[in-house]
């Protein structure tokens, strides 16, 4: 009775075998590491096309809209507008400075949830001075979004 109990040998299962080949299926992985190629476009094109994600902010007479556009895509990746009922019901007016700030806060949250931390935000200089654009920009920054692209790494 003083013998040690024998340890059972694990069974070999082909289902649990780890593959030696790894394929990264995340299409944004190179963007997050700043290794993806940015489209340069022509030097005279405005706005510049050297970005992974670009923030487009627009105001009309009745609504405020912000979109995150990816390079090479026509459709926006993310968007937020005062036309959305969830945003509109919290606001007194859909066109004022408070509306711009609210759109910035909601879009910053959506960007964080989608994993987008860096976006390029360039506004025409005479529009940039307005208080509404400044509040939108501040709301995006306070939401944790960096309003410039990381510098591309060349390997």
N, C-alpha and C. Protein backbone atom coordinates (compact mmCIF):
# COMPACT_ATOMS: atom_id res chain seq x y z
N UNK A 1 0.81 -1.19 0.00
CA UNK A 1 0.00 0.00 0.00
C UNK A 1 0.85 1.26 0.00
N UNK A 2 2.13 1.15 0.09
CA UNK A 2 2.99 2.32 0.11
C UNK A 2 3.40 2.76 -1.30
N UNK A 3 2.85 2.15 -2.35
CA UNK A 3 3.19 2.54 -3.72
C UNK A 3 2.49 3.85 -4.09
N UNK A 4 3.18 4.69 -4.86
CA UNK A 4 2.58 5.93 -5.33
C UNK A 4 1.56 5.61 -6.42
N UNK A 5 0.52 6.39 -6.43
CA UNK A 5 -0.52 6.17 -7.43
C UNK A 5 0.01 6.56 -8.80
N UNK A 6 -0.29 5.76 -9.80
CA UNK A 6 0.22 6.05 -11.14
C UNK A 6 -0.60 7.19 -11.76
N UNK A 7 0.10 8.06 -12.46
CA UNK A 7 -0.55 9.21 -13.11
C UNK A 7 -1.14 8.75 -14.44
N UNK A 8 -2.40 9.11 -14.69
CA UNK A 8 -2.99 8.72 -15.98
C UNK A 8 -2.36 9.55 -17.10
N UNK A 9 -2.09 8.91 -18.21
CA UNK A 9 -1.50 9.58 -19.36
C UNK A 9 -2.60 10.31 -20.14
N UNK A 10 -2.35 11.59 -20.53
CA UNK A 10 -3.37 12.31 -21.29
C UNK A 10 -3.53 11.69 -22.68
N UNK A 11 -4.75 11.71 -23.15
CA UNK A 11 -5.03 11.15 -24.47
C UNK A 11 -4.70 12.20 -25.53
N UNK A 12 -4.16 11.74 -26.65
CA UNK A 12 -3.81 12.64 -27.74
C UNK A 12 -5.05 12.87 -28.60
N UNK A 13 -5.43 14.14 -28.73
CA UNK A 13 -6.61 14.49 -29.51
C UNK A 13 -6.20 15.42 -30.64
N UNK A 14 -6.53 15.06 -31.86
CA UNK A 14 -6.17 15.88 -33.02
C UNK A 14 -6.92 17.21 -33.05
N UNK A 15 -8.04 17.30 -32.37
CA UNK A 15 -8.82 18.53 -32.33
C UNK A 15 -8.11 19.64 -31.56
N UNK A 16 -7.25 19.29 -30.63
CA UNK A 16 -6.59 20.26 -29.78
C UNK A 16 -5.20 20.62 -30.27
N UNK A 17 -4.83 20.18 -31.44
CA UNK A 17 -3.52 20.46 -31.98
C UNK A 17 -3.49 21.90 -32.49
N UNK A 18 -2.42 22.62 -32.18
CA UNK A 18 -2.26 24.01 -32.57
C UNK A 18 -1.62 24.07 -33.95
N UNK A 19 -2.21 24.86 -34.83
CA UNK A 19 -1.69 25.00 -36.18
C UNK A 19 -0.42 25.85 -36.17
N UNK A 20 0.53 25.48 -37.00
CA UNK A 20 1.77 26.24 -37.09
C UNK A 20 1.60 27.48 -37.96
N UNK A 21 0.60 27.51 -38.79
CA UNK A 21 0.35 28.64 -39.68
C UNK A 21 -0.69 29.56 -39.05
N UNK A 22 -0.33 30.85 -38.95
CA UNK A 22 -1.25 31.84 -38.36
C UNK A 22 -1.60 32.88 -39.42
N UNK A 23 -2.89 33.13 -39.58
CA UNK A 23 -3.36 34.13 -40.52
C UNK A 23 -4.10 35.20 -39.73
N UNK A 24 -3.61 36.44 -39.82
CA UNK A 24 -4.25 37.54 -39.12
C UNK A 24 -5.42 38.02 -39.96
N UNK A 25 -6.63 37.91 -39.42
CA UNK A 25 -7.82 38.28 -40.18
C UNK A 25 -8.35 39.65 -39.79
N UNK A 26 -7.60 40.39 -38.97
CA UNK A 26 -8.02 41.73 -38.59
C UNK A 26 -7.51 42.69 -39.67
N UNK A 27 -8.42 43.29 -40.45
CA UNK A 27 -7.96 44.15 -41.54
C UNK A 27 -7.35 45.47 -41.06
N UNK A 28 -7.59 45.85 -39.82
CA UNK A 28 -7.09 47.12 -39.31
C UNK A 28 -5.85 46.95 -38.45
N UNK A 29 -5.31 45.77 -38.37
CA UNK A 29 -4.17 45.52 -37.51
C UNK A 29 -2.95 46.36 -37.94
N UNK A 30 -2.69 46.43 -39.24
CA UNK A 30 -1.54 47.21 -39.71
C UNK A 30 -1.76 48.70 -39.49
N UNK A 31 -3.01 49.15 -39.56
CA UNK A 31 -3.30 50.56 -39.28
C UNK A 31 -3.00 50.89 -37.82
N UNK A 32 -3.40 50.00 -36.92
CA UNK A 32 -3.19 50.26 -35.50
C UNK A 32 -1.71 50.26 -35.14
N UNK A 33 -0.91 49.52 -35.89
CA UNK A 33 0.53 49.51 -35.64
C UNK A 33 1.25 50.56 -36.47
N UNK A 34 0.51 51.36 -37.25
CA UNK A 34 1.04 52.42 -38.11
C UNK A 34 1.99 51.86 -39.17
N UNK A 35 1.69 50.67 -39.68
CA UNK A 35 2.51 50.05 -40.71
C UNK A 35 1.81 50.01 -42.07
N UNK A 36 0.50 50.25 -42.09
CA UNK A 36 -0.25 50.19 -43.35
C UNK A 36 0.14 51.34 -44.26
N UNK A 37 0.01 51.12 -45.55
CA UNK A 37 0.35 52.13 -46.53
C UNK A 37 -0.79 53.14 -46.62
N UNK A 38 -0.44 54.42 -46.59
CA UNK A 38 -1.44 55.48 -46.75
C UNK A 38 -1.42 55.95 -48.20
N UNK A 39 -2.59 56.16 -48.76
CA UNK A 39 -2.69 56.67 -50.12
C UNK A 39 -2.23 58.11 -50.13
N UNK A 40 -1.27 58.44 -50.98
CA UNK A 40 -0.74 59.80 -51.01
C UNK A 40 -1.59 60.73 -51.84
N UNK A 41 -2.07 60.28 -52.98
CA UNK A 41 -2.83 61.16 -53.86
C UNK A 41 -1.93 62.20 -54.48
N UNK A 42 -2.51 63.19 -55.09
CA UNK A 42 -1.74 64.28 -55.68
C UNK A 42 -1.46 65.33 -54.62
N UNK A 43 -0.41 66.08 -54.82
CA UNK A 43 -0.03 67.11 -53.85
C UNK A 43 -1.01 68.26 -53.83
N UNK A 44 -1.75 68.46 -54.92
CA UNK A 44 -2.68 69.58 -55.00
C UNK A 44 -4.08 69.24 -54.52
N UNK A 45 -4.32 68.01 -54.14
CA UNK A 45 -5.66 67.58 -53.71
C UNK A 45 -5.90 68.04 -52.28
N UNK A 46 -7.06 68.66 -52.06
CA UNK A 46 -7.45 69.02 -50.70
C UNK A 46 -8.80 68.44 -50.41
N UNK A 47 -9.06 67.81 -49.33
CA UNK A 47 -8.13 67.52 -48.24
C UNK A 47 -7.17 66.39 -48.62
N UNK A 48 -6.05 66.36 -47.96
CA UNK A 48 -5.02 65.37 -48.23
C UNK A 48 -5.58 63.96 -48.01
N UNK A 49 -5.06 63.02 -48.76
CA UNK A 49 -5.55 61.64 -48.65
C UNK A 49 -4.62 60.76 -47.82
N UNK A 50 -3.69 61.36 -47.13
CA UNK A 50 -2.77 60.58 -46.32
C UNK A 50 -3.36 60.38 -44.93
N UNK A 51 -4.29 59.46 -44.81
CA UNK A 51 -4.92 59.16 -43.53
C UNK A 51 -5.45 57.74 -43.55
N UNK A 52 -5.66 57.20 -42.37
CA UNK A 52 -6.37 55.94 -42.24
C UNK A 52 -7.85 56.23 -42.01
N UNK A 53 -8.13 57.19 -41.13
CA UNK A 53 -9.50 57.62 -40.85
C UNK A 53 -9.54 59.14 -40.79
N UNK A 54 -10.56 59.72 -41.42
CA UNK A 54 -10.71 61.17 -41.47
C UNK A 54 -12.05 61.54 -40.86
N UNK A 55 -12.06 62.57 -40.05
CA UNK A 55 -13.27 63.06 -39.39
C UNK A 55 -13.84 64.21 -40.21
N UNK A 56 -15.09 64.05 -40.64
CA UNK A 56 -15.78 65.06 -41.44
C UNK A 56 -16.89 65.64 -40.58
N UNK A 57 -16.84 66.94 -40.35
CA UNK A 57 -17.83 67.63 -39.51
C UNK A 57 -18.56 68.63 -40.39
N UNK A 58 -19.90 68.58 -40.37
CA UNK A 58 -20.66 69.52 -41.19
C UNK A 58 -21.88 70.01 -40.43
N UNK A 59 -22.21 71.26 -40.70
CA UNK A 59 -23.38 71.88 -40.10
C UNK A 59 -24.28 72.41 -41.20
N UNK A 60 -25.56 72.19 -41.05
CA UNK A 60 -26.53 72.76 -41.98
C UNK A 60 -27.42 73.71 -41.19
N UNK A 61 -28.47 74.21 -41.82
CA UNK A 61 -29.36 75.13 -41.13
C UNK A 61 -30.12 74.45 -40.00
N UNK A 62 -30.32 73.15 -40.12
CA UNK A 62 -31.16 72.46 -39.15
C UNK A 62 -30.45 71.38 -38.33
N UNK A 63 -29.33 70.84 -38.83
CA UNK A 63 -28.71 69.71 -38.14
C UNK A 63 -27.19 69.79 -38.17
N UNK A 64 -26.59 69.00 -37.28
CA UNK A 64 -25.14 68.84 -37.18
C UNK A 64 -24.82 67.38 -37.45
N UNK A 65 -23.83 67.13 -38.31
CA UNK A 65 -23.47 65.77 -38.67
C UNK A 65 -21.96 65.61 -38.59
N UNK A 66 -21.52 64.46 -38.09
CA UNK A 66 -20.09 64.13 -38.06
C UNK A 66 -19.94 62.68 -38.53
N UNK A 67 -18.95 62.45 -39.37
CA UNK A 67 -18.71 61.12 -39.92
C UNK A 67 -17.23 60.79 -39.85
N UNK A 68 -16.93 59.51 -39.68
CA UNK A 68 -15.56 59.02 -39.75
C UNK A 68 -15.45 58.24 -41.04
N UNK A 69 -14.60 58.73 -41.94
CA UNK A 69 -14.42 58.11 -43.25
C UNK A 69 -13.10 57.35 -43.26
N UNK A 70 -13.11 56.16 -43.85
CA UNK A 70 -11.87 55.39 -44.00
C UNK A 70 -11.29 55.68 -45.37
N UNK A 71 -10.00 55.56 -45.48
CA UNK A 71 -9.33 55.83 -46.75
C UNK A 71 -9.79 54.81 -47.79
N UNK A 72 -10.21 55.32 -48.94
CA UNK A 72 -10.61 54.43 -50.03
C UNK A 72 -12.05 54.00 -50.00
N UNK A 73 -12.81 54.37 -49.00
CA UNK A 73 -14.22 53.98 -48.93
C UNK A 73 -15.12 55.18 -49.15
N UNK A 74 -16.25 54.94 -49.78
CA UNK A 74 -17.20 56.01 -50.03
C UNK A 74 -18.16 56.16 -48.85
N UNK A 75 -18.57 55.06 -48.27
CA UNK A 75 -19.49 55.07 -47.14
C UNK A 75 -18.73 55.36 -45.84
N UNK A 76 -19.34 56.09 -44.92
CA UNK A 76 -18.67 56.36 -43.63
C UNK A 76 -18.59 55.10 -42.77
N UNK A 77 -17.52 55.01 -42.01
CA UNK A 77 -17.35 53.90 -41.08
C UNK A 77 -18.26 54.11 -39.87
N UNK A 78 -18.26 55.32 -39.33
CA UNK A 78 -19.11 55.70 -38.20
C UNK A 78 -19.73 57.06 -38.50
N UNK A 79 -20.89 57.29 -37.92
CA UNK A 79 -21.49 58.61 -38.08
C UNK A 79 -22.36 58.92 -36.88
N UNK A 80 -22.61 60.20 -36.70
CA UNK A 80 -23.49 60.68 -35.65
C UNK A 80 -24.12 61.97 -36.14
N UNK A 81 -25.38 62.15 -35.85
CA UNK A 81 -26.07 63.33 -36.33
C UNK A 81 -27.17 63.70 -35.34
N UNK A 82 -27.57 64.96 -35.40
CA UNK A 82 -28.70 65.38 -34.58
C UNK A 82 -30.02 64.94 -35.20
N UNK A 83 -29.97 64.29 -36.35
CA UNK A 83 -31.16 63.71 -36.94
C UNK A 83 -31.55 62.41 -36.25
N UNK A 84 -30.62 61.78 -35.55
CA UNK A 84 -30.91 60.55 -34.81
C UNK A 84 -31.78 60.89 -33.61
N UNK A 85 -32.79 60.09 -33.39
CA UNK A 85 -33.75 60.38 -32.33
C UNK A 85 -33.09 60.34 -30.95
N UNK A 86 -32.16 59.42 -30.74
CA UNK A 86 -31.51 59.31 -29.43
C UNK A 86 -30.73 60.57 -29.07
N UNK A 87 -30.17 61.23 -30.06
CA UNK A 87 -29.43 62.47 -29.82
C UNK A 87 -30.38 63.65 -29.76
N UNK A 88 -31.33 63.66 -30.68
CA UNK A 88 -32.25 64.80 -30.81
C UNK A 88 -33.10 65.02 -29.56
N UNK A 89 -33.53 63.93 -28.92
CA UNK A 89 -34.44 64.09 -27.78
C UNK A 89 -33.75 64.67 -26.54
N UNK A 90 -32.42 64.63 -26.50
CA UNK A 90 -31.68 65.17 -25.36
C UNK A 90 -31.34 66.65 -25.54
N UNK A 91 -31.58 67.19 -26.74
CA UNK A 91 -31.16 68.55 -27.04
C UNK A 91 -32.35 69.49 -27.13
N UNK A 92 -32.10 70.74 -26.79
CA UNK A 92 -33.13 71.75 -26.97
C UNK A 92 -33.18 72.21 -28.41
N UNK A 93 -32.02 72.35 -29.03
CA UNK A 93 -31.92 72.77 -30.42
C UNK A 93 -30.95 71.83 -31.14
N UNK A 94 -31.23 71.52 -32.40
CA UNK A 94 -30.38 70.59 -33.15
C UNK A 94 -29.32 71.31 -33.96
N UNK A 95 -29.09 72.59 -33.72
CA UNK A 95 -28.13 73.31 -34.54
C UNK A 95 -27.16 74.18 -33.75
N UNK A 96 -27.26 74.25 -32.45
CA UNK A 96 -26.42 75.15 -31.67
C UNK A 96 -25.10 74.55 -31.25
N UNK A 97 -24.42 75.28 -30.39
CA UNK A 97 -23.12 74.85 -29.88
C UNK A 97 -23.27 73.61 -29.01
N UNK A 98 -24.34 73.53 -28.23
CA UNK A 98 -24.57 72.35 -27.39
C UNK A 98 -24.80 71.10 -28.25
N UNK A 99 -25.44 71.28 -29.40
CA UNK A 99 -25.65 70.15 -30.31
C UNK A 99 -24.32 69.65 -30.86
N UNK A 100 -23.43 70.56 -31.19
CA UNK A 100 -22.10 70.18 -31.70
C UNK A 100 -21.31 69.42 -30.63
N UNK A 101 -21.41 69.87 -29.41
CA UNK A 101 -20.71 69.19 -28.33
C UNK A 101 -21.30 67.80 -28.09
N UNK A 102 -22.63 67.68 -28.13
CA UNK A 102 -23.28 66.39 -27.93
C UNK A 102 -22.91 65.40 -29.03
N UNK A 103 -22.88 65.87 -30.27
CA UNK A 103 -22.49 65.00 -31.38
C UNK A 103 -21.04 64.55 -31.21
N UNK A 104 -20.17 65.43 -30.75
CA UNK A 104 -18.78 65.07 -30.50
C UNK A 104 -18.63 64.02 -29.41
N UNK A 105 -19.40 64.15 -28.34
CA UNK A 105 -19.34 63.18 -27.25
C UNK A 105 -19.83 61.80 -27.70
N UNK A 106 -20.94 61.77 -28.44
CA UNK A 106 -21.50 60.49 -28.89
C UNK A 106 -20.57 59.84 -29.91
N UNK A 107 -20.04 60.62 -30.84
CA UNK A 107 -19.14 60.05 -31.84
C UNK A 107 -17.84 59.56 -31.21
N UNK A 108 -17.34 60.24 -30.21
CA UNK A 108 -16.13 59.78 -29.51
C UNK A 108 -16.38 58.43 -28.84
N UNK A 109 -17.54 58.26 -28.25
CA UNK A 109 -17.87 56.98 -27.63
C UNK A 109 -17.97 55.88 -28.68
N UNK A 110 -18.59 56.18 -29.80
CA UNK A 110 -18.71 55.18 -30.87
C UNK A 110 -17.35 54.82 -31.45
N UNK A 111 -16.46 55.79 -31.56
CA UNK A 111 -15.10 55.52 -32.05
C UNK A 111 -14.35 54.61 -31.09
N UNK A 112 -14.47 54.88 -29.80
CA UNK A 112 -13.80 54.02 -28.81
C UNK A 112 -14.35 52.61 -28.87
N UNK A 113 -15.67 52.47 -29.02
CA UNK A 113 -16.27 51.14 -29.09
C UNK A 113 -15.85 50.39 -30.35
N UNK A 114 -15.59 51.12 -31.44
CA UNK A 114 -15.17 50.49 -32.68
C UNK A 114 -13.66 50.26 -32.73
N UNK A 115 -12.93 50.79 -31.76
CA UNK A 115 -11.48 50.60 -31.71
C UNK A 115 -10.70 51.63 -32.50
N UNK A 116 -11.33 52.73 -32.86
CA UNK A 116 -10.65 53.79 -33.59
C UNK A 116 -10.18 54.83 -32.58
N UNK A 117 -8.87 54.97 -32.45
CA UNK A 117 -8.32 55.92 -31.47
C UNK A 117 -7.76 57.16 -32.13
N UNK A 118 -7.32 57.05 -33.39
CA UNK A 118 -6.71 58.17 -34.10
C UNK A 118 -7.55 58.50 -35.32
N UNK A 119 -7.88 59.77 -35.49
CA UNK A 119 -8.53 60.25 -36.71
C UNK A 119 -7.88 61.57 -37.12
N UNK A 120 -7.89 61.84 -38.41
CA UNK A 120 -7.40 63.11 -38.91
C UNK A 120 -8.56 64.09 -38.95
N UNK A 121 -8.37 65.27 -38.36
CA UNK A 121 -9.42 66.28 -38.35
C UNK A 121 -8.83 67.58 -38.84
N UNK A 122 -9.19 67.95 -40.06
CA UNK A 122 -8.72 69.21 -40.63
C UNK A 122 -9.93 69.99 -41.11
N UNK A 123 -10.04 71.20 -40.63
CA UNK A 123 -11.16 72.06 -40.97
C UNK A 123 -10.62 73.27 -41.71
N UNK A 124 -11.45 73.83 -42.58
CA UNK A 124 -11.07 75.06 -43.26
C UNK A 124 -10.80 76.12 -42.19
N UNK A 125 -9.71 76.87 -42.29
CA UNK A 125 -9.30 77.77 -41.21
C UNK A 125 -10.38 78.74 -40.73
N UNK A 126 -11.16 79.32 -41.63
CA UNK A 126 -12.16 80.28 -41.18
C UNK A 126 -13.35 79.61 -40.50
N UNK A 127 -13.54 78.30 -40.71
CA UNK A 127 -14.58 77.58 -39.98
C UNK A 127 -14.06 77.11 -38.62
N UNK A 128 -12.75 76.90 -38.53
CA UNK A 128 -12.15 76.37 -37.31
C UNK A 128 -12.29 77.32 -36.14
N UNK A 129 -12.39 78.61 -36.42
CA UNK A 129 -12.46 79.59 -35.34
C UNK A 129 -13.82 79.63 -34.65
N UNK A 130 -14.84 79.03 -35.23
CA UNK A 130 -16.17 79.12 -34.64
C UNK A 130 -16.23 78.35 -33.32
N UNK A 131 -17.05 78.81 -32.43
CA UNK A 131 -17.17 78.19 -31.11
C UNK A 131 -17.75 76.78 -31.22
N UNK A 132 -18.65 76.56 -32.18
CA UNK A 132 -19.26 75.24 -32.35
C UNK A 132 -18.21 74.19 -32.73
N UNK A 133 -17.32 74.53 -33.65
CA UNK A 133 -16.28 73.59 -34.07
C UNK A 133 -15.31 73.36 -32.93
N UNK A 134 -14.99 74.39 -32.16
CA UNK A 134 -14.09 74.24 -31.02
C UNK A 134 -14.69 73.31 -29.96
N UNK A 135 -15.99 73.44 -29.70
CA UNK A 135 -16.66 72.57 -28.72
C UNK A 135 -16.69 71.12 -29.21
N UNK A 136 -16.95 70.94 -30.51
CA UNK A 136 -16.95 69.59 -31.09
C UNK A 136 -15.56 68.96 -30.94
N UNK A 137 -14.53 69.71 -31.27
CA UNK A 137 -13.15 69.24 -31.17
C UNK A 137 -12.78 68.90 -29.73
N UNK A 138 -13.18 69.75 -28.80
CA UNK A 138 -12.90 69.51 -27.39
C UNK A 138 -13.61 68.26 -26.89
N UNK A 139 -14.86 68.07 -27.32
CA UNK A 139 -15.63 66.88 -26.90
C UNK A 139 -14.98 65.60 -27.42
N UNK A 140 -14.46 65.64 -28.63
CA UNK A 140 -13.79 64.46 -29.19
C UNK A 140 -12.50 64.17 -28.42
N UNK A 141 -11.74 65.22 -28.10
CA UNK A 141 -10.50 65.02 -27.34
C UNK A 141 -10.79 64.49 -25.94
N UNK A 142 -11.78 65.06 -25.27
CA UNK A 142 -12.12 64.60 -23.92
C UNK A 142 -12.70 63.19 -23.95
N UNK A 143 -13.25 62.79 -25.09
CA UNK A 143 -13.77 61.43 -25.23
C UNK A 143 -12.68 60.40 -25.46
N UNK A 144 -11.43 60.83 -25.57
CA UNK A 144 -10.32 59.89 -25.69
C UNK A 144 -9.85 59.67 -27.11
N UNK A 145 -10.28 60.50 -28.06
CA UNK A 145 -9.87 60.35 -29.45
C UNK A 145 -8.74 61.32 -29.73
N UNK A 146 -7.69 60.83 -30.36
CA UNK A 146 -6.55 61.66 -30.73
C UNK A 146 -6.81 62.18 -32.14
N UNK A 147 -6.80 63.48 -32.31
CA UNK A 147 -7.18 64.09 -33.58
C UNK A 147 -6.01 64.28 -34.53
N UNK A 148 -5.12 63.34 -34.56
CA UNK A 148 -4.04 63.31 -35.54
C UNK A 148 -3.65 61.85 -35.74
N UNK A 149 -3.17 61.57 -36.92
CA UNK A 149 -2.78 60.20 -37.23
C UNK A 149 -1.39 59.91 -36.67
N UNK A 150 -1.13 58.67 -36.31
CA UNK A 150 0.23 58.34 -35.88
C UNK A 150 1.17 58.40 -37.09
N UNK A 151 2.40 58.73 -36.84
CA UNK A 151 3.38 58.80 -37.91
C UNK A 151 3.64 57.40 -38.45
N UNK A 152 3.66 57.28 -39.75
CA UNK A 152 3.84 55.97 -40.37
C UNK A 152 5.25 55.46 -40.13
N UNK A 153 5.34 54.18 -39.80
CA UNK A 153 6.63 53.54 -39.56
C UNK A 153 7.05 52.81 -40.83
N UNK A 154 8.26 53.02 -41.23
CA UNK A 154 8.80 52.36 -42.42
C UNK A 154 9.73 51.25 -41.95
N UNK A 155 9.42 50.02 -42.37
CA UNK A 155 10.29 48.90 -41.96
C UNK A 155 10.94 48.28 -43.15
